[in-house]
Protein backbone atom coordinates (compact mmCIF):
# COMPACT_ATOMS: atom_id res chain seq x y z
CA MET A 1 104.66 194.90 125.06
CA THR A 2 101.31 195.25 126.77
CA ILE A 3 98.05 193.47 126.23
CA ARG A 4 95.27 195.83 125.24
CA PRO A 5 92.49 196.41 127.80
CA PHE A 6 89.90 194.64 125.61
CA SER A 7 92.16 191.57 125.41
CA ARG A 8 92.65 191.56 129.17
CA ILE A 9 88.91 191.76 129.79
CA LEU A 10 88.17 189.00 127.25
CA LEU A 11 90.81 186.68 128.70
CA LEU A 12 89.73 187.38 132.28
CA GLY A 13 86.12 186.69 131.30
CA LEU A 14 87.10 183.39 129.66
CA CYS A 15 89.12 182.33 132.71
CA ILE A 16 86.36 183.21 135.17
CA GLY A 17 83.72 181.61 132.95
CA PHE A 18 85.63 178.34 132.58
CA SER A 19 86.49 178.32 136.29
CA GLU A 20 82.85 178.84 137.26
CA MET A 21 81.70 176.14 134.84
CA GLY A 22 84.26 173.77 136.32
CA LEU A 23 83.06 174.50 139.85
CA ALA A 24 79.44 174.05 138.77
CA ALA A 25 80.28 170.75 137.08
CA ASP A 26 81.97 169.46 140.25
CA LYS A 27 79.99 171.21 143.01
CA ASP A 28 78.99 168.01 144.82
CA GLY A 29 82.52 166.61 144.81
CA GLU A 30 81.71 164.01 142.17
CA PRO A 31 82.57 164.33 138.49
CA ASP A 32 79.49 165.29 136.50
CA ASP A 33 79.87 164.15 132.90
CA ALA A 34 76.72 166.03 131.94
CA GLY A 35 77.83 169.17 133.77
CA ALA A 36 78.56 172.60 132.39
CA LEU A 37 81.86 171.53 130.82
CA GLY A 38 80.41 168.30 129.47
CA TRP A 39 83.03 166.69 127.26
CA PHE A 40 86.03 168.50 128.76
CA ASP A 41 88.22 167.12 131.55
CA SER A 42 90.60 170.02 132.14
CA ILE A 43 91.24 173.73 131.73
CA TYR A 44 94.78 174.92 131.04
CA LEU A 45 96.02 178.54 131.01
CA GLN A 46 99.20 179.48 129.16
CA ALA A 47 101.33 182.47 128.34
CA GLY A 48 104.45 182.90 126.26
CA TYR A 49 106.81 184.96 124.17
CA GLY A 50 107.84 184.42 120.59
CA THR A 51 110.83 185.29 118.50
CA HIS A 52 111.43 185.27 114.76
CA TRP A 53 113.96 183.27 112.80
CA LYS A 54 115.02 186.51 111.12
CA GLU A 55 114.33 190.17 111.78
CA ASP A 56 112.11 192.38 109.65
CA GLU A 57 112.10 196.18 109.71
CA ASP A 58 108.29 196.10 110.06
CA TYR A 59 108.37 194.22 113.39
CA THR A 60 107.34 196.41 116.29
CA GLY A 61 108.03 193.97 119.10
CA LYS A 62 108.11 190.39 120.28
CA PRO A 63 104.69 188.70 120.34
CA PHE A 64 103.30 187.97 123.81
CA LEU A 65 100.49 185.41 124.00
CA VAL A 66 97.92 184.40 126.61
CA GLY A 67 95.55 181.52 126.07
CA ILE A 68 93.07 179.12 127.53
CA GLU A 69 92.70 175.50 126.48
CA ALA A 70 90.06 172.89 127.36
CA GLY A 71 91.15 169.27 127.19
CA HIS A 72 89.55 165.85 126.89
CA ASP A 73 91.07 162.49 127.90
CA ASP A 74 94.57 164.04 127.97
CA LYS A 75 94.62 163.94 124.15
CA HIS A 76 92.12 166.33 122.54
CA VAL A 77 92.33 170.10 123.09
CA VAL A 78 90.26 173.09 122.03
CA GLY A 79 91.53 176.58 122.72
CA VAL A 80 91.85 180.25 122.01
CA SER A 81 94.98 182.35 122.25
CA LEU A 82 95.06 186.13 122.30
CA PHE A 83 98.13 188.05 121.25
CA GLU A 84 99.41 191.20 119.69
CA ASN A 85 101.25 190.13 116.56
CA SER A 86 104.66 191.41 115.50
CA PHE A 87 103.00 194.33 113.74
CA SER A 88 101.10 195.51 116.85
CA GLN A 89 97.77 194.15 115.64
CA PHE A 90 95.45 192.42 118.12
CA SER A 91 95.15 188.81 116.93
CA GLN A 92 93.52 185.56 117.97
CA TYR A 93 94.16 181.88 117.30
CA TYR A 94 91.15 179.52 117.54
CA TYR A 95 92.14 175.87 117.40
CA TYR A 96 91.59 172.16 117.90
CA GLY A 97 94.51 169.88 118.59
CA TYR A 98 95.73 166.46 119.58
CA LYS A 99 98.50 165.45 122.02
CA TRP A 100 100.71 162.39 121.90
CA ARG A 101 102.65 161.32 124.99
CA LEU A 102 106.22 160.22 124.26
CA PRO A 103 106.91 157.65 127.01
CA PHE A 104 110.01 156.34 125.23
CA ILE A 105 111.58 159.73 126.10
CA SER A 106 109.77 160.45 129.38
CA GLU A 107 106.21 160.14 130.73
CA SER A 108 106.15 163.93 130.97
CA VAL A 109 107.13 164.66 127.34
CA GLN A 110 104.44 165.27 124.74
CA PHE A 111 104.06 166.30 121.12
CA LYS A 112 101.04 168.46 120.28
CA LEU A 113 99.66 169.45 116.90
CA THR A 114 97.00 172.15 116.73
CA GLY A 115 95.19 173.48 113.72
CA GLY A 116 92.79 176.33 113.36
CA LEU A 117 92.32 179.89 112.28
CA ILE A 118 94.35 182.99 113.09
CA HIS A 119 92.60 186.32 112.82
CA GLY A 120 94.21 189.74 112.95
CA TYR A 121 96.84 190.06 110.23
CA THR A 122 95.21 192.80 108.17
CA GLY A 123 95.98 195.71 105.90
CA GLU A 124 99.53 195.95 104.65
CA TYR A 125 100.47 192.87 106.75
CA GLU A 126 97.81 190.54 105.33
CA ASP A 127 100.40 188.87 103.10
CA LYS A 128 102.55 187.89 106.12
CA LEU A 129 100.42 184.72 106.52
CA ALA A 130 99.85 182.27 103.70
CA TYR A 131 96.23 181.83 102.59
CA ASN A 132 95.18 184.94 104.54
CA HIS A 133 91.85 186.33 103.39
CA ASN A 134 90.23 189.33 105.10
CA GLY A 135 92.47 188.82 108.12
CA TRP A 136 91.68 185.09 108.55
CA ALA A 137 94.24 182.38 107.80
CA PRO A 138 94.39 178.61 108.45
CA VAL A 139 97.45 177.41 110.37
CA LEU A 140 99.00 174.25 111.81
CA ILE A 141 101.24 174.62 114.85
CA PRO A 142 103.35 171.72 116.14
CA SER A 143 104.90 171.88 119.59
CA LEU A 144 107.09 169.76 121.82
CA GLY A 145 106.48 170.05 125.52
CA TRP A 146 106.92 168.83 129.03
CA LYS A 147 104.01 168.57 131.47
CA HIS A 148 104.24 167.32 135.01
CA ASP A 149 101.22 167.43 137.33
CA LYS A 150 99.66 170.83 136.55
CA LEU A 151 102.68 172.72 135.17
CA GLY A 152 103.76 172.61 131.52
CA VAL A 153 106.29 174.15 129.15
CA ASP A 154 106.02 173.98 125.35
CA LEU A 155 108.15 175.06 122.42
CA ALA A 156 105.88 175.80 119.44
CA ILE A 157 107.20 176.09 115.90
CA LEU A 158 105.52 178.92 113.99
CA GLY A 159 106.35 177.73 110.49
CA ASN A 160 109.04 179.73 108.75
CA ALA A 161 108.25 182.76 110.96
CA GLY A 162 109.72 181.74 114.30
CA VAL A 163 109.29 179.94 117.58
CA MET A 164 107.32 180.54 120.78
CA LEU A 165 108.07 179.43 124.33
CA LEU A 166 104.89 178.81 126.35
CA VAL A 167 104.40 178.17 130.06
CA GLY A 168 101.09 176.79 131.26
CA TYR A 169 99.21 175.74 134.34
CA GLU A 170 96.18 173.46 134.62
CA ILE A 171 93.66 175.39 136.71
CA TRP A 172 90.95 172.71 136.72
CA ASP A 173 90.58 169.00 136.08
CA ARG A 174 88.04 166.31 136.89
């Protein structure tokens, strides 16, 4: 599956924009709490593939996702993910989330819960997401992950639809 040119340009623009804001916020070598990124402490890029619990004759491929996430105090996250859904429709997930470290398992293990809006399931596939209205649907996505230094891996549960494996890298932090 390929990412449409518009999606590539949008994601590249977001990455460059966040990178430039991070450099501007830290240009003198000192953290600048009032800088361009203000509240955020980190920028994290991720990509992943999903699979369904069961097959459907309408599926046209496995969803591939790319996303960017801004974090605060290693707990709060705000992000956007771009993907082509299982029906070959360009889709986006805009979200806020919270992370809990699980030190009783390992200092590197975390549970994350994000909630937000998915846009892109339209037409004959609008009913594939609960509460979908005009292509917009609210969702909650839990994930269990491992993050060490700048590299992370997450397994996100997509409700009764399936699961997604995500790999991420922190490109900037204060």
